[in-house]
PDB file of N, CA and C in Angstrom:
ATOM      1  N   MET A   1      -7.164  11.995   1.110  1.00  0.00           N
ATOM      2  CA  MET A   1      -7.424  10.643   0.572  1.00  0.00           C
ATOM      3  C   MET A   1      -9.048  10.455   0.951  1.00  0.00           C
ATOM      4  N   VAL A   2      -9.481  11.180   1.992  1.00  0.00           N
ATOM      5  CA  VAL A   2     -10.797  10.727   2.267  1.00  0.00           C
ATOM      6  C   VAL A   2     -11.647  11.848   0.949  1.00  0.00           C
ATOM      7  N   ILE A   3     -11.223  13.016   0.795  1.00  0.00           N
ATOM      8  CA  ILE A   3     -11.773  13.663  -0.411  1.00  0.00           C
ATOM      9  C   ILE A   3     -12.055  13.049  -1.514  1.00  0.00           C
ATOM     10  N   VAL A   4     -11.069  12.117  -1.756  1.00  0.00           N
ATOM     11  CA  VAL A   4     -10.848  11.639  -3.276  1.00  0.00           C
ATOM     12  C   VAL A   4     -11.519  10.440  -2.977  1.00  0.00           C
ATOM     13  N   ARG A   5     -12.167   9.439  -2.043  1.00  0.00           N
ATOM     14  CA  ARG A   5     -12.922   8.883  -1.546  1.00  0.00           C
ATOM     15  C   ARG A   5     -14.119   9.236  -2.096  1.00  0.00           C
ATOM     16  N   TRP A   6     -14.506  10.675  -0.943  1.00  0.00           N
ATOM     17  CA  TRP A   6     -15.870  11.210  -0.970  1.00  0.00           C
ATOM     18  C   TRP A   6     -16.288  11.642  -2.476  1.00  0.00           C
ATOM     19  N   ALA A   7     -15.268  12.334  -3.428  1.00  0.00           N
ATOM     20  CA  ALA A   7     -15.602  12.814  -4.497  1.00  0.00           C
ATOM     21  C   ALA A   7     -15.636  11.586  -5.532  1.00  0.00           C
ATOM     22  N   LEU A   8     -15.023  10.641  -5.501  1.00  0.00           N
ATOM     23  CA  LEU A   8     -15.437   9.334  -6.243  1.00  0.00           C
ATOM     24  C   LEU A   8     -16.779   8.581  -5.923  1.00  0.00           C
ATOM     25  N   ASP A   9     -17.360   8.639  -4.839  1.00  0.00           N
ATOM     26  CA  ASP A   9     -18.476   8.049  -4.464  1.00  0.00           C
ATOM     27  C   ASP A   9     -19.700   9.007  -4.866  1.00  0.00           C
ATOM     28  N   LYS A  10     -19.429  10.195  -4.469  1.00  0.00           N
ATOM     29  CA  LYS A  10     -20.199  11.394  -4.794  1.00  0.00           C
ATOM     30  C   LYS A  10     -20.572  11.265  -6.586  1.00  0.00           C
ATOM     31  N   THR A  11     -19.827  11.307  -7.455  1.00  0.00           N
ATOM     32  CA  THR A  11     -19.933  11.317  -8.543  1.00  0.00           C
ATOM     33  C   THR A  11     -20.024  10.150  -9.383  1.00  0.00           C
ATOM     34  N   GLY A  12     -19.577   8.865  -8.815  1.00  0.00           N
ATOM     35  CA  GLY A  12     -19.901   7.603  -9.501  1.00  0.00           C
ATOM     36  C   GLY A  12     -18.639   7.411 -10.718  1.00  0.00           C
ATOM     37  N   ALA A  13     -17.423   8.395 -10.467  1.00  0.00           N
ATOM     38  CA  ALA A  13     -16.806   8.200 -11.497  1.00  0.00           C
ATOM     39  C   ALA A  13     -15.790   7.050 -10.855  1.00  0.00           C
ATOM     40  N   LYS A  14     -15.120   6.523 -12.262  1.00  0.00           N
ATOM     41  CA  LYS A  14     -14.410   5.017 -12.122  1.00  0.00           C
ATOM     42  C   LYS A  14     -12.782   5.948 -11.500  1.00  0.00           C
ATOM     43  N   SER A  15     -12.211   5.061 -10.779  1.00  0.00           N
ATOM     44  CA  SER A  15     -10.802   5.556 -10.300  1.00  0.00           C
ATOM     45  C   SER A  15      -9.721   6.095 -11.078  1.00  0.00           C
ATOM     46  N   ASP A  16      -9.821   4.825 -12.266  1.00  0.00           N
ATOM     47  CA  ASP A  16      -8.916   5.622 -13.499  1.00  0.00           C
ATOM     48  C   ASP A  16      -9.516   6.895 -14.002  1.00  0.00           C
ATOM     49  N   VAL A  17     -10.674   7.564 -13.681  1.00  0.00           N
ATOM     50  CA  VAL A  17     -10.698   8.822 -14.715  1.00  0.00           C
ATOM     51  C   VAL A  17     -10.204   9.803 -13.436  1.00  0.00           C
ATOM     52  N   GLY A  18     -10.453   9.591 -12.290  1.00  0.00           N
ATOM     53  CA  GLY A  18      -9.968  10.270 -11.414  1.00  0.00           C
ATOM     54  C   GLY A  18      -8.473  10.393 -11.182  1.00  0.00           C
ATOM     55  N   ALA A  19      -7.964   9.298 -11.747  1.00  0.00           N
ATOM     56  CA  ALA A  19      -6.271   9.378 -11.866  1.00  0.00           C
ATOM     57  C   ALA A  19      -5.657  10.386 -12.932  1.00  0.00           C
ATOM     58  N   LEU A  20      -6.612  10.051 -13.915  1.00  0.00           N
ATOM     59  CA  LEU A  20      -6.417  11.134 -15.018  1.00  0.00           C
ATOM     60  C   LEU A  20      -6.407  12.434 -14.559  1.00  0.00           C
ATOM     61  N   VAL A  21      -7.796  12.846 -14.019  1.00  0.00           N
ATOM     62  CA  VAL A  21      -7.680  14.250 -13.924  1.00  0.00           C
ATOM     63  C   VAL A  21      -6.530  14.612 -12.941  1.00  0.00           C
ATOM     64  N   SER A  22      -6.413  13.883 -11.860  1.00  0.00           N
ATOM     65  CA  SER A  22      -5.185  14.258 -11.240  1.00  0.00           C
ATOM     66  C   SER A  22      -3.872  14.442 -11.551  1.00  0.00           C
ATOM     67  N   ILE A  23      -3.538  13.417 -12.693  1.00  0.00           N
ATOM     68  CA  ILE A  23      -2.280  13.735 -13.173  1.00  0.00           C
ATOM     69  C   ILE A  23      -2.391  14.868 -14.328  1.00  0.00           C
ATOM     70  N   GLY A  24      -3.467  14.824 -14.860  1.00  0.00           N
ATOM     71  CA  GLY A  24      -3.624  16.217 -16.013  1.00  0.00           C
ATOM     72  C   GLY A  24      -3.283  17.607 -15.173  1.00  0.00           C
ATOM     73  N   ILE A  25      -4.187  17.576 -14.038  1.00  0.00           N
ATOM     74  CA  ILE A  25      -3.950  18.982 -13.322  1.00  0.00           C
ATOM     75  C   ILE A  25      -2.336  19.111 -13.154  1.00  0.00           C
ATOM     76  N   ALA A  26      -1.893  18.002 -12.465  1.00  0.00           N
ATOM     77  CA  ALA A  26      -0.329  17.856 -11.888  1.00  0.00           C
ATOM     78  C   ALA A  26       0.702  18.743 -13.354  1.00  0.00           C
ATOM     79  N   ALA A  27       0.515  18.052 -14.387  1.00  0.00           N
ATOM     80  CA  ALA A  27       1.137  18.195 -15.477  1.00  0.00           C
ATOM     81  C   ALA A  27       0.953  19.433 -15.809  1.00  0.00           C
ATOM     82  N   ILE A  28      -0.210  20.232 -15.781  1.00  0.00           N
ATOM     83  CA  ILE A  28      -0.617  21.632 -16.435  1.00  0.00           C
ATOM     84  C   ILE A  28       0.089  22.349 -15.119  1.00  0.00           C
ATOM     85  N   VAL A  29       0.339  22.239 -13.771  1.00  0.00           N
ATOM     86  CA  VAL A  29       0.896  22.704 -12.889  1.00  0.00           C
ATOM     87  C   VAL A  29       2.368  22.998 -13.021  1.00  0.00           C
ATOM     88  N   ALA A  30       2.922  21.861 -13.321  1.00  0.00           N
ATOM     89  CA  ALA A  30       4.253  21.782 -13.635  1.00  0.00           C
ATOM     90  C   ALA A  30       4.729  22.940 -14.591  1.00  0.00           C
ATOM     91  N   CYS A  31       3.852  22.542 -15.656  1.00  0.00           N
ATOM     92  CA  CYS A  31       4.446  23.351 -16.775  1.00  0.00           C
ATOM     93  C   CYS A  31       3.912  24.571 -16.465  1.00  0.00           C
ATOM     94  N   ILE A  32       3.427  25.166 -16.279  1.00  0.00           N
ATOM     95  CA  ILE A  32       2.993  26.805 -15.446  1.00  0.00           C
ATOM     96  C   ILE A  32       4.348  27.071 -14.902  1.00  0.00           C
ATOM     97  N   ALA A  33       4.352  25.992 -13.639  1.00  0.00           N
ATOM     98  CA  ALA A  33       5.638  26.557 -12.839  1.00  0.00           C
ATOM     99  C   ALA A  33       7.067  26.931 -13.479  1.00  0.00           C
ATOM    100  N   ALA A  34       7.306  25.804 -14.534  1.00  0.00           N
ATOM    101  CA  ALA A  34       8.561  25.615 -15.624  1.00  0.00           C
ATOM    102  C   ALA A  34       8.555  26.832 -16.037  1.00  0.00           C
ATOM    103  N   VAL A  35       7.422  27.580 -16.854  1.00  0.00           N
ATOM    104  CA  VAL A  35       7.270  28.861 -17.494  1.00  0.00           C
ATOM    105  C   VAL A  35       7.866  30.004 -16.661  1.00  0.00           C
ATOM    106  N   ALA A  36       7.354  29.776 -15.407  1.00  0.00           N
ATOM    107  CA  ALA A  36       7.382  30.854 -14.587  1.00  0.00           C
ATOM    108  C   ALA A  36       8.393  31.405 -13.995  1.00  0.00           C
ATOM    109  N   VAL A  37       9.318  30.060 -13.976  1.00  0.00           N
ATOM    110  CA  VAL A  37      10.655  30.144 -13.309  1.00  0.00           C
ATOM    111  C   VAL A  37      11.642  30.399 -14.544  1.00  0.00           C
ATOM    112  N   GLY A  38      11.405  30.382 -15.574  1.00  0.00           N
ATOM    113  CA  GLY A  38      12.396  30.297 -16.876  1.00  0.00           C
ATOM    114  C   GLY A  38      13.070  29.463 -17.015  1.00  0.00           C
ATOM    115  N   ALA A  39      12.492  28.226 -17.248  1.00  0.00           N
ATOM    116  CA  ALA A  39      13.197  26.873 -17.302  1.00  0.00           C
ATOM    117  C   ALA A  39      13.651  26.821 -18.857  1.00  0.00           C
ATOM    118  N   ASP A  40      14.944  26.029 -18.886  1.00  0.00           N
ATOM    119  CA  ASP A  40      15.707  25.906 -20.003  1.00  0.00           C
ATOM    120  C   ASP A  40      14.628  25.190 -21.122  1.00  0.00           C
ATOM    121  N   THR A  41      14.249  25.667 -22.040  1.00  0.00           N
ATOM    122  CA  THR A  41      13.389  24.891 -23.110  1.00  0.00           C
ATOM    123  C   THR A  41      14.270  24.383 -24.353  1.00  0.00           C
ATOM    124  N   SER A  42      15.329  24.749 -24.684  1.00  0.00           N
ATOM    125  CA  SER A  42      16.301  24.420 -25.707  1.00  0.00           C
ATOM    126  C   SER A  42      16.114  23.118 -26.309  1.00  0.00           C
ATOM    127  N   GLY A  43      16.143  21.926 -25.138  1.00  0.00           N
ATOM    128  CA  GLY A  43      16.214  20.534 -25.710  1.00  0.00           C
ATOM    129  C   GLY A  43      14.914  20.233 -25.550  1.00  0.00           C
ATOM    130  N   LEU A  44      13.580  20.987 -26.026  1.00  0.00           N
ATOM    131  CA  LEU A  44      12.592  20.465 -25.702  1.00  0.00           C
ATOM    132  C   LEU A  44      11.944  20.146 -26.895  1.00  0.00           C
ATOM    133  N   THR A  45      11.982  18.742 -27.571  1.00  0.00           N
ATOM    134  CA  THR A  45      10.999  18.712 -28.995  1.00  0.00           C
ATOM    135  C   THR A  45      10.247  17.584 -28.863  1.00  0.00           C
ATOM    136  N   ALA A  46       9.894  17.558 -29.844  1.00  0.00           N
ATOM    137  CA  ALA A  46       8.414  16.613 -29.700  1.00  0.00           C
ATOM    138  C   ALA A  46       8.735  15.213 -29.211  1.00  0.00           C
ATOM    139  N   ALA A  47       9.946  14.807 -30.010  1.00  0.00           N
ATOM    140  CA  ALA A  47      10.400  13.255 -29.253  1.00  0.00           C
ATOM    141  C   ALA A  47      10.550  13.414 -28.051  1.00  0.00           C
ATOM    142  N   ASN A  48      11.410  14.332 -27.321  1.00  0.00           N
ATOM    143  CA  ASN A  48      11.385  14.164 -26.226  1.00  0.00           C
ATOM    144  C   ASN A  48      10.203  14.393 -25.338  1.00  0.00           C
ATOM    145  N   ILE A  49       9.531  15.070 -25.880  1.00  0.00           N
ATOM    146  CA  ILE A  49       7.985  14.972 -25.122  1.00  0.00           C
ATOM    147  C   ILE A  49       7.112  13.926 -24.890  1.00  0.00           C
ATOM    148  N   ALA A  50       7.514  13.228 -26.167  1.00  0.00           N
ATOM    149  CA  ALA A  50       6.676  11.938 -26.349  1.00  0.00           C
ATOM    150  C   ALA A  50       7.276  10.935 -25.078  1.00  0.00           C
ATOM    151  N   ARG A  51       8.569  10.845 -25.595  1.00  0.00           N
ATOM    152  CA  ARG A  51       9.670  10.153 -24.259  1.00  0.00           C
ATOM    153  C   ARG A  51       9.163  10.122 -23.116  1.00  0.00           C
ATOM    154  N   PHE A  52       9.043  11.478 -22.498  1.00  0.00           N
ATOM    155  CA  PHE A  52       8.691  11.418 -21.226  1.00  0.00           C
ATOM    156  C   PHE A  52       6.959  11.491 -21.068  1.00  0.00           C
ATOM    157  N   ALA A  53       6.314  11.751 -21.425  1.00  0.00           N
ATOM    158  CA  ALA A  53       4.911  11.441 -21.676  1.00  0.00           C
ATOM    159  C   ALA A  53       4.654   9.966 -21.547  1.00  0.00           C
ATOM    160  N   LEU A  54       5.181   8.857 -22.596  1.00  0.00           N
ATOM    161  CA  LEU A  54       5.131   7.777 -22.300  1.00  0.00           C
ATOM    162  C   LEU A  54       5.613   7.127 -20.952  1.00  0.00           C
ATOM    163  N   VAL A  55       6.729   7.289 -20.413  1.00  0.00           N
ATOM    164  CA  VAL A  55       7.233   7.055 -19.244  1.00  0.00           C
ATOM    165  C   VAL A  55       6.286   7.677 -18.106  1.00  0.00           C
ATOM    166  N   GLY A  56       5.947   8.916 -18.272  1.00  0.00           N
ATOM    167  CA  GLY A  56       5.001   9.474 -17.262  1.00  0.00           C
ATOM    168  C   GLY A  56       3.545   8.574 -16.833  1.00  0.00           C
ATOM    169  N   ALA A  57       3.029   8.295 -18.244  1.00  0.00           N
ATOM    170  CA  ALA A  57       1.856   7.564 -18.214  1.00  0.00           C
ATOM    171  C   ALA A  57       2.206   5.964 -17.694  1.00  0.00           C
ATOM    172  N   ILE A  58       3.064   5.521 -17.673  1.00  0.00           N
ATOM    173  CA  ILE A  58       3.578   3.975 -17.597  1.00  0.00           C
ATOM    174  C   ILE A  58       3.646   4.100 -15.690  1.00  0.00           C
ATOM    175  N   ALA A  59       4.977   4.675 -15.472  1.00  0.00           N
ATOM    176  CA  ALA A  59       5.329   4.521 -13.641  1.00  0.00           C
ATOM    177  C   ALA A  59       4.138   5.167 -13.076  1.00  0.00           C
ATOM    178  N   PRO A  60       4.280   6.594 -12.934  1.00  0.00           N
ATOM    179  CA  PRO A  60       3.215   7.370 -12.172  1.00  0.00           C
ATOM    180  C   PRO A  60       2.013   6.991 -12.442  1.00  0.00           C
ATOM    181  N   GLY A  61       1.593   7.174 -13.799  1.00  0.00           N
ATOM    182  CA  GLY A  61       0.214   6.809 -14.236  1.00  0.00           C
ATOM    183  C   GLY A  61      -0.199   5.677 -13.533  1.00  0.00           C
ATOM    184  N   ALA A  62       0.338   4.393 -14.022  1.00  0.00           N
ATOM    185  CA  ALA A  62      -0.243   2.952 -13.290  1.00  0.00           C
ATOM    186  C   ALA A  62      -0.318   3.245 -11.592  1.00  0.00           C
ATOM    187  N   ALA A  63       0.852   4.023 -11.410  1.00  0.00           N
ATOM    188  CA  ALA A  63       0.775   3.878  -9.644  1.00  0.00           C
ATOM    189  C   ALA A  63      -0.564   4.639  -9.376  1.00  0.00           C
ATOM    190  N   GLN A  64      -0.725   5.913  -9.768  1.00  0.00           N
ATOM    191  CA  GLN A  64      -1.787   6.858  -9.538  1.00  0.00           C
ATOM    192  C   GLN A  64      -3.219   5.972  -9.583  1.00  0.00           C
ATOM    193  N   VAL A  65      -3.317   4.866 -10.957  1.00  0.00           N
ATOM    194  CA  VAL A  65      -4.569   4.315 -11.080  1.00  0.00           C
ATOM    195  C   VAL A  65      -4.532   3.221  -9.973  1.00  0.00           C
ATOM    196  N   LEU A  66      -3.913   2.719  -9.760  1.00  0.00           N
ATOM    197  CA  LEU A  66      -3.661   1.938  -8.437  1.00  0.00           C
ATOM    198  C   LEU A  66      -4.361   2.564  -6.998  1.00  0.00           C
ATOM    199  N   PHE A  67      -3.778   3.642  -7.010  1.00  0.00           N
ATOM    200  CA  PHE A  67      -4.080   4.075  -5.665  1.00  0.00           C
ATOM    201  C   PHE A  67      -5.655   4.554  -5.669  1.00  0.00           C
ATOM    202  N   MET A  68      -5.829   5.214  -6.845  1.00  0.00           N
ATOM    203  CA  MET A  68      -7.281   5.556  -6.846  1.00  0.00           C
ATOM    204  C   MET A  68      -8.352   4.507  -6.388  1.00  0.00           C
ATOM    205  N   ALA A  69      -7.632   2.942  -7.281  1.00  0.00           N
ATOM    206  CA  ALA A  69      -8.359   1.874  -6.917  1.00  0.00           C
ATOM    207  C   ALA A  69      -8.570   1.534  -5.402  1.00  0.00           C
ATOM    208  N   SER A  70      -7.288   1.688  -5.087  1.00  0.00           N
ATOM    209  CA  SER A  70      -7.035   1.057  -3.382  1.00  0.00           C
ATOM    210  C   SER A  70      -8.128   1.789  -2.563  1.00  0.00           C
ATOM    211  N   ILE A  71      -8.331   3.597  -2.813  1.00  0.00           N
ATOM    212  CA  ILE A  71      -8.871   4.240  -2.181  1.00  0.00           C
ATOM    213  C   ILE A  71     -10.502   3.680  -2.404  1.00  0.00           C
ATOM    214  N   ARG A  72     -10.899   3.320  -3.485  1.00  0.00           N
ATOM    215  CA  ARG A  72     -12.427   3.125  -3.707  1.00  0.00           C
ATOM    216  C   ARG A  72     -12.794   1.839  -3.059  1.00  0.00           C
ATOM    217  N   THR A  73     -11.759   0.799  -3.381  1.00  0.00           N
ATOM    218  CA  THR A  73     -12.034  -0.524  -2.838  1.00  0.00           C
ATOM    219  C   THR A  73     -11.854  -0.773  -1.261  1.00  0.00           C
ATOM    220  N   ILE A  74     -10.779  -0.239  -0.846  1.00  0.00           N
ATOM    221  CA  ILE A  74     -10.478  -0.642   0.626  1.00  0.00           C
ATOM    222  C   ILE A  74     -10.751   0.612   1.928  1.00  0.00           C
ATOM    223  N   GLY A  75     -10.671   1.693   1.043  1.00  0.00           N
ATOM    224  CA  GLY A  75     -11.165   3.056   1.643  1.00  0.00           C
ATOM    225  C   GLY A  75      -9.603   3.786   1.683  1.00  0.00           C
ATOM    226  N   PRO A  76      -9.654   4.986   2.320  1.00  0.00           N
ATOM    227  CA  PRO A  76      -8.428   6.092   2.318  1.00  0.00           C
ATOM    228  C   PRO A  76      -7.691   5.515   3.667  1.00  0.00           C
ATOM    229  N   ALA A  77      -8.264   4.961   4.862  1.00  0.00           N
ATOM    230  CA  ALA A  77      -7.373   4.738   5.923  1.00  0.00           C
ATOM    231  C   ALA A  77      -6.555   3.843   5.733  1.00  0.00           C
ATOM    232  N   ARG A  78      -7.131   2.699   5.170  1.00  0.00           N
ATOM    233  CA  ARG A  78      -6.165   1.259   4.856  1.00  0.00           C
ATOM    234  C   ARG A  78      -5.020   1.852   3.829  1.00  0.00           C
ATOM    235  N   GLY A  79      -5.888   2.520   2.883  1.00  0.00           N
ATOM    236  CA  GLY A  79      -5.024   2.672   1.692  1.00  0.00           C
ATOM    237  C   GLY A  79      -3.795   3.517   2.111  1.00  0.00           C
ATOM    238  N   GLY A  80      -3.995   4.708   2.943  1.00  0.00           N
ATOM    239  CA  GLY A  80      -3.067   5.375   3.324  1.00  0.00           C
ATOM    240  C   GLY A  80      -1.726   4.748   4.271  1.00  0.00           C
ATOM    241  N   VAL A  81      -2.175   3.782   4.906  1.00  0.00           N
ATOM    242  CA  VAL A  81      -1.644   2.987   5.494  1.00  0.00           C
ATOM    243  C   VAL A  81      -0.501   2.346   4.524  1.00  0.00           C
ATOM    244  N   ILE A  82      -1.302   1.445   3.611  1.00  0.00           N
ATOM    245  CA  ILE A  82      -0.553   0.338   2.382  1.00  0.00           C
ATOM    246  C   ILE A  82       0.581   1.631   1.790  1.00  0.00           C
ATOM    247  N   ILE A  83       0.074   2.822   1.351  1.00  0.00           N
ATOM    248  CA  ILE A  83       0.965   3.866   0.822  1.00  0.00           C
ATOM    249  C   ILE A  83       2.135   4.135   1.416  1.00  0.00           C
ATOM    250  N   GLY A  84       1.658   4.128   2.813  1.00  0.00           N
ATOM    251  CA  GLY A  84       2.907   4.634   3.847  1.00  0.00           C
ATOM    252  C   GLY A  84       3.772   3.675   3.927  1.00  0.00           C
ATOM    253  N   THR A  85       3.723   1.988   3.362  1.00  0.00           N
ATOM    254  CA  THR A  85       4.541   0.854   3.854  1.00  0.00           C
ATOM    255  C   THR A  85       5.692   0.659   2.669  1.00  0.00           C
ATOM    256  N   SER A  86       4.944   1.797   1.594  1.00  0.00           N
ATOM    257  CA  SER A  86       5.859   1.680   0.088  1.00  0.00           C
ATOM    258  C   SER A  86       7.411   1.202   0.370  1.00  0.00           C
ATOM    259  N   PRO A  87       7.897   2.312   0.955  1.00  0.00           N
ATOM    260  CA  PRO A  87       9.368   2.402   0.846  1.00  0.00           C
ATOM    261  C   PRO A  87       9.760   0.781   1.520  1.00  0.00           C
ATOM    262  N   MET A  88       9.193   0.261   1.997  1.00  0.00           N
ATOM    263  CA  MET A  88       9.823  -1.257   2.749  1.00  0.00           C
ATOM    264  C   MET A  88       9.559  -2.280   1.694  1.00  0.00           C
ATOM    265  N   PHE A  89       8.763  -2.177   0.660  1.00  0.00           N
ATOM    266  CA  PHE A  89       8.871  -2.979  -0.187  1.00  0.00           C
ATOM    267  C   PHE A  89       9.627  -3.028  -1.343  1.00  0.00           C
TER     268      PHE A  89
END
């Protein structure tokens, strides 16, 4: 989290850009890993990909944007504590 804060400050990028980059890289790594282990792609259609992309943009995407914004706004130490309490809410 400290590195994320440093990168956001150093580049002047908005927190939503940081979230988009981290989600994009995670998606690429997940796709490469799925292909590497020989995942079953028989049910992979454009409609299914669109559904999962939409849900993935809404739920974890929104959470990642808010997390990056919290790091920028209140800092990595306080942001980490708040994320650590998330199972309680």
